Amino acid sequence: MKTGKKRIQGRDFLFNKLKTIASLSILTGVLLLIANADETFNLYKVPYILIIAGFVLLIISLLVTNHEKHLLCRIGLHRFVQVDRDSEVPALFVYQCERCGKEKKAMKSF
């Protein structure tokens, strides 16, 4: 039993590192585009490749690590609907995802 848990924790650790690498890849690509590094160095399509590869790696790691049933919810694209208001704080609203049932609370400012 312990080895199974360790294997799952190790896999999650690996995919958490993959998420970090993917996010840094996207950030690097965007910074290269903003800095116009193409004018200084011959980078050709490197920023675009970094951004696309980062998004692909991020989606793959999210699909593997998250356990919601719906694929869009696994990659973080929930469809939240306002369900209720919090009884303690009047500006706090409760939202629930239509697909997976995940709840979140958000504060609205008027």
PDB file of N, CA and C in Angstrom:
ATOM      1  N   MET A   1       0.813  -1.196   0.000  1.00  0.00           N
ATOM      2  CA  MET A   1       0.000   0.000   0.000  1.00  0.00           C
ATOM      3  C   MET A   1       0.859   1.263   0.000  1.00  0.00           C
ATOM      4  N   LYS A   2       1.914   1.244   0.777  1.00  0.00           N
ATOM      5  CA  LYS A   2       2.745   2.441   0.868  1.00  0.00           C
ATOM      6  C   LYS A   2       3.439   2.746  -0.449  1.00  0.00           C
ATOM      7  N   THR A   3       3.877   1.724  -1.168  1.00  0.00           N
ATOM      8  CA  THR A   3       4.579   1.974  -2.429  1.00  0.00           C
ATOM      9  C   THR A   3       3.636   2.581  -3.456  1.00  0.00           C
ATOM     10  N   GLY A   4       2.366   2.179  -3.444  1.00  0.00           N
ATOM     11  CA  GLY A   4       1.398   2.762  -4.365  1.00  0.00           C
ATOM     12  C   GLY A   4       1.195   4.241  -4.096  1.00  0.00           C
ATOM     13  N   LYS A   5       1.093   4.600  -2.808  1.00  0.00           N
ATOM     14  CA  LYS A   5       0.936   6.003  -2.441  1.00  0.00           C
ATOM     15  C   LYS A   5       2.167   6.806  -2.820  1.00  0.00           C
ATOM     16  N   LYS A   6       3.337   6.238  -2.578  1.00  0.00           N
ATOM     17  CA  LYS A   6       4.577   6.931  -2.924  1.00  0.00           C
ATOM     18  C   LYS A   6       4.674   7.131  -4.428  1.00  0.00           C
ATOM     19  N   ARG A   7       4.236   6.138  -5.197  1.00  0.00           N
ATOM     20  CA  ARG A   7       4.301   6.234  -6.646  1.00  0.00           C
ATOM     21  C   ARG A   7       3.379   7.341  -7.146  1.00  0.00           C
ATOM     22  N   ILE A   8       2.173   7.433  -6.547  1.00  0.00           N
ATOM     23  CA  ILE A   8       1.239   8.483  -6.936  1.00  0.00           C
ATOM     24  C   ILE A   8       1.780   9.843  -6.532  1.00  0.00           C
ATOM     25  N   GLN A   9       2.349   9.955  -5.328  1.00  0.00           N
ATOM     26  CA  GLN A   9       2.916  11.222  -4.890  1.00  0.00           C
ATOM     27  C   GLN A   9       4.094  11.617  -5.760  1.00  0.00           C
ATOM     28  N   GLY A  10       4.910  10.645  -6.164  1.00  0.00           N
ATOM     29  CA  GLY A  10       6.038  10.930  -7.036  1.00  0.00           C
ATOM     30  C   GLY A  10       5.578  11.404  -8.405  1.00  0.00           C
ATOM     31  N   ARG A  11       4.499  10.782  -8.914  1.00  0.00           N
ATOM     32  CA  ARG A  11       3.960  11.195 -10.205  1.00  0.00           C
ATOM     33  C   ARG A  11       3.414  12.608 -10.126  1.00  0.00           C
ATOM     34  N   ASP A  12       2.689  12.920  -9.036  1.00  0.00           N
ATOM     35  CA  ASP A  12       2.159  14.267  -8.862  1.00  0.00           C
ATOM     36  C   ASP A  12       3.291  15.280  -8.749  1.00  0.00           C
ATOM     37  N   PHE A  13       4.359  14.906  -8.051  1.00  0.00           N
ATOM     38  CA  PHE A  13       5.521  15.795  -7.926  1.00  0.00           C
ATOM     39  C   PHE A  13       6.138  16.055  -9.292  1.00  0.00           C
ATOM     40  N   LEU A  14       6.230  15.009 -10.114  1.00  0.00           N
ATOM     41  CA  LEU A  14       6.781  15.148 -11.462  1.00  0.00           C
ATOM     42  C   LEU A  14       5.921  16.083 -12.312  1.00  0.00           C
ATOM     43  N   PHE A  15       4.612  15.914 -12.242  1.00  0.00           N
ATOM     44  CA  PHE A  15       3.737  16.761 -13.044  1.00  0.00           C
ATOM     45  C   PHE A  15       3.641  18.174 -12.493  1.00  0.00           C
ATOM     46  N   ASN A  16       3.858  18.357 -11.187  1.00  0.00           N
ATOM     47  CA  ASN A  16       3.927  19.721 -10.653  1.00  0.00           C
ATOM     48  C   ASN A  16       5.161  20.436 -11.182  1.00  0.00           C
ATOM     49  N   LYS A  17       6.270  19.706 -11.307  1.00  0.00           N
ATOM     50  CA  LYS A  17       7.468  20.300 -11.915  1.00  0.00           C
ATOM     51  C   LYS A  17       7.216  20.612 -13.382  1.00  0.00           C
ATOM     52  N   LEU A  18       6.474  19.728 -14.060  1.00  0.00           N
ATOM     53  CA  LEU A  18       6.141  19.958 -15.464  1.00  0.00           C
ATOM     54  C   LEU A  18       5.277  21.203 -15.618  1.00  0.00           C
ATOM     55  N   LYS A  19       4.354  21.435 -14.670  1.00  0.00           N
ATOM     56  CA  LYS A  19       3.539  22.650 -14.700  1.00  0.00           C
ATOM     57  C   LYS A  19       4.413  23.889 -14.568  1.00  0.00           C
ATOM     58  N   THR A  20       5.402  23.816 -13.682  1.00  0.00           N
ATOM     59  CA  THR A  20       6.303  24.953 -13.481  1.00  0.00           C
ATOM     60  C   THR A  20       7.132  25.215 -14.741  1.00  0.00           C
ATOM     61  N   ILE A  21       7.644  24.160 -15.341  1.00  0.00           N
ATOM     62  CA  ILE A  21       8.429  24.302 -16.564  1.00  0.00           C
ATOM     63  C   ILE A  21       7.576  24.869 -17.690  1.00  0.00           C
ATOM     64  N   ALA A  22       6.338  24.394 -17.806  1.00  0.00           N
ATOM     65  CA  ALA A  22       5.440  24.885 -18.856  1.00  0.00           C
ATOM     66  C   ALA A  22       5.119  26.360 -18.641  1.00  0.00           C
ATOM     67  N   SER A  23       4.858  26.739 -17.400  1.00  0.00           N
ATOM     68  CA  SER A  23       4.550  28.142 -17.109  1.00  0.00           C
ATOM     69  C   SER A  23       5.745  29.045 -17.403  1.00  0.00           C
ATOM     70  N   LEU A  24       6.934  28.588 -17.034  1.00  0.00           N
ATOM     71  CA  LEU A  24       8.136  29.376 -17.331  1.00  0.00           C
ATOM     72  C   LEU A  24       8.393  29.461 -18.830  1.00  0.00           C
ATOM     73  N   SER A  25       8.070  28.408 -19.555  1.00  0.00           N
ATOM     74  CA  SER A  25       8.223  28.415 -21.008  1.00  0.00           C
ATOM     75  C   SER A  25       7.288  29.448 -21.640  1.00  0.00           C
ATOM     76  N   ILE A  26       6.054  29.487 -21.173  1.00  0.00           N
ATOM     77  CA  ILE A  26       5.099  30.477 -21.686  1.00  0.00           C
ATOM     78  C   ILE A  26       5.570  31.888 -21.348  1.00  0.00           C
ATOM     79  N   LEU A  27       6.009  32.086 -20.120  1.00  0.00           N
ATOM     80  CA  LEU A  27       6.481  33.400 -19.688  1.00  0.00           C
ATOM     81  C   LEU A  27       7.697  33.844 -20.500  1.00  0.00           C
ATOM     82  N   THR A  28       8.630  32.934 -20.727  1.00  0.00           N
ATOM     83  CA  THR A  28       9.831  33.268 -21.502  1.00  0.00           C
ATOM     84  C   THR A  28       9.467  33.653 -22.927  1.00  0.00           C
ATOM     85  N   GLY A  29       8.551  32.907 -23.537  1.00  0.00           N
ATOM     86  CA  GLY A  29       8.124  33.228 -24.887  1.00  0.00           C
ATOM     87  C   GLY A  29       7.466  34.591 -24.977  1.00  0.00           C
ATOM     88  N   VAL A  30       6.601  34.892 -24.012  1.00  0.00           N
ATOM     89  CA  VAL A  30       5.926  36.194 -24.007  1.00  0.00           C
ATOM     90  C   VAL A  30       6.930  37.323 -23.775  1.00  0.00           C
ATOM     91  N   LEU A  31       7.868  37.123 -22.853  1.00  0.00           N
ATOM     92  CA  LEU A  31       8.885  38.164 -22.598  1.00  0.00           C
ATOM     93  C   LEU A  31       9.774  38.392 -23.813  1.00  0.00           C
ATOM     94  N   LEU A  32      10.103  37.327 -24.532  1.00  0.00           N
ATOM     95  CA  LEU A  32      10.892  37.493 -25.748  1.00  0.00           C
ATOM     96  C   LEU A  32      10.121  38.271 -26.808  1.00  0.00           C
ATOM     97  N   LEU A  33       8.828  38.044 -26.884  1.00  0.00           N
ATOM     98  CA  LEU A  33       8.010  38.806 -27.839  1.00  0.00           C
ATOM     99  C   LEU A  33       7.906  40.271 -27.434  1.00  0.00           C
ATOM    100  N   ILE A  34       7.709  40.523 -26.145  1.00  0.00           N
ATOM    101  CA  ILE A  34       7.577  41.906 -25.676  1.00  0.00           C
ATOM    102  C   ILE A  34       8.894  42.662 -25.836  1.00  0.00           C
ATOM    103  N   ALA A  35      10.010  41.999 -25.584  1.00  0.00           N
ATOM    104  CA  ALA A  35      11.315  42.658 -25.625  1.00  0.00           C
ATOM    105  C   ALA A  35      11.841  42.838 -27.044  1.00  0.00           C
ATOM    106  N   ASN A  36      11.127  42.331 -28.040  1.00  0.00           N
ATOM    107  CA  ASN A  36      11.593  42.396 -29.431  1.00  0.00           C
ATOM    108  C   ASN A  36      13.006  41.844 -29.574  1.00  0.00           C
ATOM    109  N   ALA A  37      13.237  40.701 -28.948  1.00  0.00           N
ATOM    110  CA  ALA A  37      14.555  40.081 -28.998  1.00  0.00           C
ATOM    111  C   ALA A  37      14.883  39.585 -30.397  1.00  0.00           C
ATOM    112  N   ASP A  38      13.893  39.509 -31.263  1.00  0.00           N
ATOM    113  CA  ASP A  38      14.116  39.098 -32.649  1.00  0.00           C
ATOM    114  C   ASP A  38      14.998  40.088 -33.390  1.00  0.00           C
ATOM    115  N   GLU A  39      14.917  41.355 -33.005  1.00  0.00           N
ATOM    116  CA  GLU A  39      15.729  42.370 -33.670  1.00  0.00           C
ATOM    117  C   GLU A  39      17.204  42.254 -33.286  1.00  0.00           C
ATOM    118  N   THR A  40      17.481  41.802 -32.079  1.00  0.00           N
ATOM    119  CA  THR A  40      18.849  41.679 -31.605  1.00  0.00           C
ATOM    120  C   THR A  40      19.466  40.347 -31.992  1.00  0.00           C
ATOM    121  N   PHE A  41      18.725  39.279 -31.782  1.00  0.00           N
ATOM    122  CA  PHE A  41      19.202  37.929 -32.056  1.00  0.00           C
ATOM    123  C   PHE A  41      18.341  37.303 -33.144  1.00  0.00           C
ATOM    124  N   ASN A  42      18.888  36.358 -33.849  1.00  0.00           N
ATOM    125  CA  ASN A  42      18.104  35.642 -34.856  1.00  0.00           C
ATOM    126  C   ASN A  42      17.365  34.483 -34.185  1.00  0.00           C
ATOM    127  N   LEU A  43      16.218  34.789 -33.608  1.00  0.00           N
ATOM    128  CA  LEU A  43      15.457  33.774 -32.886  1.00  0.00           C
ATOM    129  C   LEU A  43      14.394  33.112 -33.759  1.00  0.00           C
ATOM    130  N   TYR A  44      14.110  33.709 -34.895  1.00  0.00           N
ATOM    131  CA  TYR A  44      13.102  33.199 -35.824  1.00  0.00           C
ATOM    132  C   TYR A  44      11.779  32.991 -35.118  1.00  0.00           C
ATOM    133  N   LYS A  45      11.346  31.764 -34.926  1.00  0.00           N
ATOM    134  CA  LYS A  45      10.036  31.469 -34.342  1.00  0.00           C
ATOM    135  C   LYS A  45      10.142  30.899 -32.926  1.00  0.00           C
ATOM    136  N   VAL A  46      11.258  31.071 -32.260  1.00  0.00           N
ATOM    137  CA  VAL A  46      11.480  30.491 -30.938  1.00  0.00           C
ATOM    138  C   VAL A  46      10.445  30.963 -29.906  1.00  0.00           C
ATOM    139  N   PRO A  47      10.106  32.259 -29.835  1.00  0.00           N
ATOM    140  CA  PRO A  47       9.099  32.664 -28.835  1.00  0.00           C
ATOM    141  C   PRO A  47       7.744  31.971 -29.047  1.00  0.00           C
ATOM    142  N   TYR A  48       7.337  31.854 -30.295  1.00  0.00           N
ATOM    143  CA  TYR A  48       6.058  31.204 -30.587  1.00  0.00           C
ATOM    144  C   TYR A  48       6.106  29.716 -30.238  1.00  0.00           C
ATOM    145  N   ILE A  49       7.217  29.075 -30.524  1.00  0.00           N
ATOM    146  CA  ILE A  49       7.376  27.656 -30.200  1.00  0.00           C
ATOM    147  C   ILE A  49       7.354  27.456 -28.687  1.00  0.00           C
ATOM    148  N   LEU A  50       8.016  28.356 -27.938  1.00  0.00           N
ATOM    149  CA  LEU A  50       8.010  28.257 -26.475  1.00  0.00           C
ATOM    150  C   LEU A  50       6.601  28.402 -25.907  1.00  0.00           C
ATOM    151  N   ILE A  51       5.839  29.344 -26.444  1.00  0.00           N
ATOM    152  CA  ILE A  51       4.477  29.566 -25.951  1.00  0.00           C
ATOM    153  C   ILE A  51       3.590  28.358 -26.252  1.00  0.00           C
ATOM    154  N   ILE A  52       3.634  27.869 -27.480  1.00  0.00           N
ATOM    155  CA  ILE A  52       2.787  26.729 -27.866  1.00  0.00           C
ATOM    156  C   ILE A  52       3.188  25.479 -27.089  1.00  0.00           C
ATOM    157  N   ALA A  53       4.479  25.210 -26.981  1.00  0.00           N
ATOM    158  CA  ALA A  53       4.939  24.032 -26.241  1.00  0.00           C
ATOM    159  C   ALA A  53       4.565  24.140 -24.764  1.00  0.00           C
ATOM    160  N   GLY A  54       4.645  25.332 -24.204  1.00  0.00           N
ATOM    161  CA  GLY A  54       4.257  25.543 -22.814  1.00  0.00           C
ATOM    162  C   GLY A  54       2.783  25.257 -22.582  1.00  0.00           C
ATOM    163  N   PHE A  55       1.933  25.736 -23.497  1.00  0.00           N
ATOM    164  CA  PHE A  55       0.504  25.463 -23.362  1.00  0.00           C
ATOM    165  C   PHE A  55       0.198  23.977 -23.498  1.00  0.00           C
ATOM    166  N   VAL A  56       0.853  23.300 -24.429  1.00  0.00           N
ATOM    167  CA  VAL A  56       0.623  21.860 -24.600  1.00  0.00           C
ATOM    168  C   VAL A  56       1.050  21.094 -23.348  1.00  0.00           C
ATOM    169  N   LEU A  57       2.232  21.406 -22.827  1.00  0.00           N
ATOM    170  CA  LEU A  57       2.695  20.731 -21.608  1.00  0.00           C
ATOM    171  C   LEU A  57       1.793  21.022 -20.413  1.00  0.00           C
ATOM    172  N   LEU A  58       1.322  22.256 -20.314  1.00  0.00           N
ATOM    173  CA  LEU A  58       0.444  22.628 -19.209  1.00  0.00           C
ATOM    174  C   LEU A  58      -0.883  21.879 -19.284  1.00  0.00           C
ATOM    175  N   ILE A  59      -1.454  21.781 -20.468  1.00  0.00           N
ATOM    176  CA  ILE A  59      -2.722  21.067 -20.624  1.00  0.00           C
ATOM    177  C   ILE A  59      -2.538  19.583 -20.320  1.00  0.00           C
ATOM    178  N   ILE A  60      -1.446  18.993 -20.785  1.00  0.00           N
ATOM    179  CA  ILE A  60      -1.191  17.568 -20.509  1.00  0.00           C
ATOM    180  C   ILE A  60      -1.047  17.323 -19.012  1.00  0.00           C
ATOM    181  N   SER A  61      -0.285  18.173 -18.333  1.00  0.00           N
ATOM    182  CA  SER A  61      -0.090  17.964 -16.897  1.00  0.00           C
ATOM    183  C   SER A  61      -1.387  18.177 -16.124  1.00  0.00           C
ATOM    184  N   LEU A  62      -2.231  19.129 -16.552  1.00  0.00           N
ATOM    185  CA  LEU A  62      -3.510  19.338 -15.885  1.00  0.00           C
ATOM    186  C   LEU A  62      -4.457  18.166 -16.110  1.00  0.00           C
ATOM    187  N   LEU A  63      -4.449  17.606 -17.313  1.00  0.00           N
ATOM    188  CA  LEU A  63      -5.315  16.458 -17.596  1.00  0.00           C
ATOM    189  C   LEU A  63      -4.928  15.242 -16.766  1.00  0.00           C
ATOM    190  N   VAL A  64      -3.645  15.065 -16.523  1.00  0.00           N
ATOM    191  CA  VAL A  64      -3.187  13.889 -15.778  1.00  0.00           C
ATOM    192  C   VAL A  64      -3.401  14.058 -14.277  1.00  0.00           C
ATOM    193  N   THR A  65      -3.150  15.239 -13.735  1.00  0.00           N
ATOM    194  CA  THR A  65      -3.181  15.408 -12.284  1.00  0.00           C
ATOM    195  C   THR A  65      -4.566  15.684 -11.735  1.00  0.00           C
ATOM    196  N   ASN A  66      -5.425  16.384 -12.447  1.00  0.00           N
ATOM    197  CA  ASN A  66      -6.762  16.685 -11.931  1.00  0.00           C
ATOM    198  C   ASN A  66      -7.676  15.494 -12.149  1.00  0.00           C
ATOM    199  N   HIS A  67      -8.637  15.327 -11.248  1.00  0.00           N
ATOM    200  CA  HIS A  67      -9.449  14.119 -11.261  1.00  0.00           C
ATOM    201  C   HIS A  67     -10.932  14.379 -11.499  1.00  0.00           C
ATOM    202  N   GLU A  68     -11.296  15.561 -12.019  1.00  0.00           N
ATOM    203  CA  GLU A  68     -12.695  15.812 -12.338  1.00  0.00           C
ATOM    204  C   GLU A  68     -13.105  14.953 -13.531  1.00  0.00           C
ATOM    205  N   LYS A  69     -14.400  14.703 -13.665  1.00  0.00           N
ATOM    206  CA  LYS A  69     -14.877  13.829 -14.736  1.00  0.00           C
ATOM    207  C   LYS A  69     -14.851  14.522 -16.096  1.00  0.00           C
ATOM    208  N   HIS A  70     -15.254  15.764 -16.145  1.00  0.00           N
ATOM    209  CA  HIS A  70     -15.336  16.472 -17.412  1.00  0.00           C
ATOM    210  C   HIS A  70     -13.958  16.997 -17.807  1.00  0.00           C
ATOM    211  N   LEU A  71     -13.593  16.831 -19.070  1.00  0.00           N
ATOM    212  CA  LEU A  71     -12.256  17.228 -19.526  1.00  0.00           C
ATOM    213  C   LEU A  71     -12.021  18.731 -19.397  1.00  0.00           C
ATOM    214  N   LEU A  72     -13.024  19.547 -19.693  1.00  0.00           N
ATOM    215  CA  LEU A  72     -12.838  20.991 -19.571  1.00  0.00           C
ATOM    216  C   LEU A  72     -12.608  21.406 -18.126  1.00  0.00           C
ATOM    217  N   CYS A  73     -13.247  20.708 -17.192  1.00  0.00           N
ATOM    218  CA  CYS A  73     -13.023  21.003 -15.769  1.00  0.00           C
ATOM    219  C   CYS A  73     -11.630  20.569 -15.341  1.00  0.00           C
ATOM    220  N   ARG A  74     -11.101  19.527 -15.956  1.00  0.00           N
ATOM    221  CA  ARG A  74      -9.750  19.079 -15.618  1.00  0.00           C
ATOM    222  C   ARG A  74      -8.700  20.116 -15.953  1.00  0.00           C
ATOM    223  N   ILE A  75      -8.887  20.855 -17.043  1.00  0.00           N
ATOM    224  CA  ILE A  75      -7.887  21.864 -17.405  1.00  0.00           C
ATOM    225  C   ILE A  75      -8.224  23.237 -16.840  1.00  0.00           C
ATOM    226  N   GLY A  76      -9.259  23.306 -15.992  1.00  0.00           N
ATOM    227  CA  GLY A  76      -9.558  24.545 -15.279  1.00  0.00           C
ATOM    228  C   GLY A  76     -10.612  25.418 -15.923  1.00  0.00           C
ATOM    229  N   LEU A  77     -11.306  24.936 -16.923  1.00  0.00           N
ATOM    230  CA  LEU A  77     -12.344  25.731 -17.589  1.00  0.00           C
ATOM    231  C   LEU A  77     -13.713  25.334 -17.049  1.00  0.00           C
ATOM    232  N   HIS A  78     -13.983  25.752 -15.813  1.00  0.00           N
ATOM    233  CA  HIS A  78     -15.258  25.450 -15.175  1.00  0.00           C
ATOM    234  C   HIS A  78     -16.329  26.413 -15.692  1.00  0.00           C
ATOM    235  N   ARG A  79     -17.572  26.005 -15.554  1.00  0.00           N
ATOM    236  CA  ARG A  79     -18.704  26.872 -15.886  1.00  0.00           C
ATOM    237  C   ARG A  79     -19.466  27.112 -14.584  1.00  0.00           C
ATOM    238  N   PHE A  80     -19.142  28.226 -13.923  1.00  0.00           N
ATOM    239  CA  PHE A  80     -19.720  28.516 -12.620  1.00  0.00           C
ATOM    240  C   PHE A  80     -21.029  29.285 -12.768  1.00  0.00           C
ATOM    241  N   VAL A  81     -21.977  28.938 -11.909  1.00  0.00           N
ATOM    242  CA  VAL A  81     -23.269  29.608 -11.839  1.00  0.00           C
ATOM    243  C   VAL A  81     -23.479  30.041 -10.390  1.00  0.00           C
ATOM    244  N   GLN A  82     -24.007  31.243 -10.211  1.00  0.00           N
ATOM    245  CA  GLN A  82     -24.254  31.738  -8.854  1.00  0.00           C
ATOM    246  C   GLN A  82     -25.371  30.924  -8.225  1.00  0.00           C
ATOM    247  N   VAL A  83     -25.072  30.338  -7.065  1.00  0.00           N
ATOM    248  CA  VAL A  83     -26.021  29.467  -6.388  1.00  0.00           C
ATOM    249  C   VAL A  83     -26.648  30.158  -5.189  1.00  0.00           C
ATOM    250  N   ASP A  84     -25.819  30.828  -4.403  1.00  0.00           N
ATOM    251  CA  ASP A  84     -26.307  31.339  -3.124  1.00  0.00           C
ATOM    252  C   ASP A  84     -25.450  32.501  -2.678  1.00  0.00           C
ATOM    253  N   ARG A  85     -25.882  33.145  -1.630  1.00  0.00           N
ATOM    254  CA  ARG A  85     -25.099  34.184  -0.962  1.00  0.00           C
ATOM    255  C   ARG A  85     -24.673  33.668   0.396  1.00  0.00           C
ATOM    256  N   ASP A  86     -23.503  34.110   0.836  1.00  0.00           N
ATOM    257  CA  ASP A  86     -23.028  33.716   2.149  1.00  0.00           C
ATOM    258  C   ASP A  86     -23.829  34.463   3.209  1.00  0.00           C
ATOM    259  N   SER A  87     -24.187  33.763   4.270  1.00  0.00           N
ATOM    260  CA  SER A  87     -25.027  34.379   5.305  1.00  0.00           C
ATOM    261  C   SER A  87     -24.245  35.342   6.193  1.00  0.00           C
ATOM    262  N   GLU A  88     -22.939  35.123   6.326  1.00  0.00           N
ATOM    263  CA  GLU A  88     -22.139  35.961   7.227  1.00  0.00           C
ATOM    264  C   GLU A  88     -21.692  37.262   6.570  1.00  0.00           C
ATOM    265  N   VAL A  89     -21.213  37.174   5.315  1.00  0.00           N
ATOM    266  CA  VAL A  89     -20.708  38.346   4.606  1.00  0.00           C
ATOM    267  C   VAL A  89     -21.633  38.608   3.416  1.00  0.00           C
ATOM    268  N   PRO A  90     -22.297  39.762   3.359  1.00  0.00           N
ATOM    269  CA  PRO A  90     -23.282  39.987   2.301  1.00  0.00           C
ATOM    270  C   PRO A  90     -22.681  40.099   0.892  1.00  0.00           C
ATOM    271  N   ALA A  91     -21.425  40.472   0.780  1.00  0.00           N
ATOM    272  CA  ALA A  91     -20.817  40.617  -0.541  1.00  0.00           C
ATOM    273  C   ALA A  91     -20.166  39.323  -1.037  1.00  0.00           C
ATOM    274  N   LEU A  92     -20.286  38.240  -0.272  1.00  0.00           N
ATOM    275  CA  LEU A  92     -19.671  36.965  -0.636  1.00  0.00           C
ATOM    276  C   LEU A  92     -20.719  36.073  -1.291  1.00  0.00           C
ATOM    277  N   PHE A  93     -20.435  35.655  -2.523  1.00  0.00           N
ATOM    278  CA  PHE A  93     -21.359  34.823  -3.283  1.00  0.00           C
ATOM    279  C   PHE A  93     -20.786  33.421  -3.437  1.00  0.00           C
ATOM    280  N   VAL A  94     -21.675  32.439  -3.474  1.00  0.00           N
ATOM    281  CA  VAL A  94     -21.282  31.044  -3.652  1.00  0.00           C
ATOM    282  C   VAL A  94     -21.598  30.650  -5.090  1.00  0.00           C
ATOM    283  N   TYR A  95     -20.590  30.104  -5.768  1.00  0.00           N
ATOM    284  CA  TYR A  95     -20.742  29.653  -7.149  1.00  0.00           C
ATOM    285  C   TYR A  95     -20.495  28.156  -7.210  1.00  0.00           C
ATOM    286  N   GLN A  96     -21.205  27.471  -8.138  1.00  0.00           N
ATOM    287  CA  GLN A  96     -21.044  26.034  -8.317  1.00  0.00           C
ATOM    288  C   GLN A  96     -20.909  25.738  -9.809  1.00  0.00           C
ATOM    289  N   CYS A  97     -19.970  24.847 -10.131  1.00  0.00           N
ATOM    290  CA  CYS A  97     -19.749  24.453 -11.517  1.00  0.00           C
ATOM    291  C   CYS A  97     -20.909  23.561 -11.972  1.00  0.00           C
ATOM    292  N   GLU A  98     -21.411  23.833 -13.177  1.00  0.00           N
ATOM    293  CA  GLU A  98     -22.523  23.047 -13.717  1.00  0.00           C
ATOM    294  C   GLU A  98     -22.097  21.619 -14.058  1.00  0.00           C
ATOM    295  N   ARG A  99     -20.839  21.455 -14.440  1.00  0.00           N
ATOM    296  CA  ARG A  99     -20.388  20.144 -14.925  1.00  0.00           C
ATOM    297  C   ARG A  99     -19.911  19.229 -13.824  1.00  0.00           C
ATOM    298  N   CYS A 100     -19.031  19.736 -12.943  1.00  0.00           N
ATOM    299  CA  CYS A 100     -18.410  18.843 -11.953  1.00  0.00           C
ATOM    300  C   CYS A 100     -18.900  19.084 -10.536  1.00  0.00           C
ATOM    301  N   GLY A 101     -19.611  20.173 -10.287  1.00  0.00           N
ATOM    302  CA  GLY A 101     -20.151  20.431  -8.964  1.00  0.00           C
ATOM    303  C   GLY A 101     -19.198  21.124  -8.011  1.00  0.00           C
ATOM    304  N   LYS A 102     -18.031  21.555  -8.481  1.00  0.00           N
ATOM    305  CA  LYS A 102     -17.061  22.234  -7.623  1.00  0.00           C
ATOM    306  C   LYS A 102     -17.630  23.584  -7.173  1.00  0.00           C
ATOM    307  N   GLU A 103     -17.454  23.880  -5.903  1.00  0.00           N
ATOM    308  CA  GLU A 103     -17.950  25.143  -5.356  1.00  0.00           C
ATOM    309  C   GLU A 103     -16.806  26.094  -5.063  1.00  0.00           C
ATOM    310  N   LYS A 104     -17.099  27.372  -5.226  1.00  0.00           N
ATOM    311  CA  LYS A 104     -16.128  28.395  -4.839  1.00  0.00           C
ATOM    312  C   LYS A 104     -16.890  29.602  -4.319  1.00  0.00           C
ATOM    313  N   LYS A 105     -16.189  30.383  -3.522  1.00  0.00           N
ATOM    314  CA  LYS A 105     -16.772  31.607  -2.989  1.00  0.00           C
ATOM    315  C   LYS A 105     -15.995  32.778  -3.544  1.00  0.00           C
ATOM    316  N   ALA A 106     -16.723  33.798  -3.948  1.00  0.00           N
ATOM    317  CA  ALA A 106     -16.092  34.993  -4.505  1.00  0.00           C
ATOM    318  C   ALA A 106     -16.778  36.231  -3.942  1.00  0.00           C
ATOM    319  N   MET A 107     -15.989  37.265  -3.748  1.00  0.00           N
ATOM    320  CA  MET A 107     -16.520  38.505  -3.214  1.00  0.00           C
ATOM    321  C   MET A 107     -16.735  39.466  -4.367  1.00  0.00           C
ATOM    322  N   LYS A 108     -17.933  40.013  -4.446  1.00  0.00           N
ATOM    323  CA  LYS A 108     -18.265  41.001  -5.463  1.00  0.00           C
ATOM    324  C   LYS A 108     -18.182  42.383  -4.845  1.00  0.00           C
ATOM    325  N   SER A 109     -17.636  43.295  -5.596  1.00  0.00           N
ATOM    326  CA  SER A 109     -17.625  44.688  -5.134  1.00  0.00           C
ATOM    327  C   SER A 109     -18.559  45.488  -6.036  1.00  0.00           C
ATOM    328  N   PHE A 110     -19.326  46.317  -5.435  1.00  0.00           N
ATOM    329  CA  PHE A 110     -20.322  47.059  -6.203  1.00  0.00           C
ATOM    330  C   PHE A 110     -19.891  48.473  -6.416  1.00  0.00           C
TER     331      PHE A 110
END
